[in-house]
Each structure stands twice: as structure tokens, then as C-alpha cells.
Amino acid sequence: MNPPSNDPGQRGRGPQRPETGPMSGLTLSAMVASIIFGPLGIVLGHMALRQIKKTGEEGRGVALAATVIGYIMTAAGILSIVVALTFWNSLDDYDAPANGSTPASESCVGGAR
């Protein structure tokens, strides 16, 4: 026997998802671009948000997330460049002695004159 159902027209089916409209094509592009190259993701994310506002397409949350991820990736890229340049510049400090004296390998202490 089949168990009784509250809605006879929906017998044997699970909960139904509401119909949604089409998602903006720029939304997916913005998400992928924001992960690969942040500034492009920012531009595409803003373009997708503008298109969604005009046409009423779905995907505003994804476009907003892509824009935020683009900003985060861009900031992380800039920060990593600054850290790398700072580290690279600190390596130059080890080449020359700080007090202006000659290094021990070039001194005449204990060697032939």
C-alpha cells in the first residue's frame, strides 16, 4: 500500500525547487576570472552586476562574490609583490658591510703581505 499523501498531485516526489531565471553569462566568467586574475574578475564582476540589475537575471550573489574575490586576490597579489621586493632589497644589504670595513676574507690578518 502507498502511504497517504497530503498533496495527491505530488505523490512520490520530493520537495520541488522554484523555477529560476537564467543566470548571467558574465557571472560565471567573473567568478573564474577573479580566481585566476583578480583585476579582470573585478571588471567582469561589476559588468555582471550592472547587467543583472538591467535585465533581472539570476546570479547577483555569485557576481558579488566574484567581485569581492577579485578585490581580495588583487590585494593579495600587491601585498606579495611588496613583500617580495622588500625581501629582495634586504638581500642587497648583506653584500656590503654595514660599518664600511673590509670583509674578513679580504683582510691581511694572518696572511702574507
Foldseek 3Di string as FASTA:
>chain_A
DADDDPDVVQPPHDDDDDDFFAQDPLLVVLQVCLVVALVVSLVSLVVSCVVCVVPVHDRVVSSVVSNVSSVVVVVVVVVVVVVVVVVVVVVVCVVADPVRDDDPVPDCVPHDD
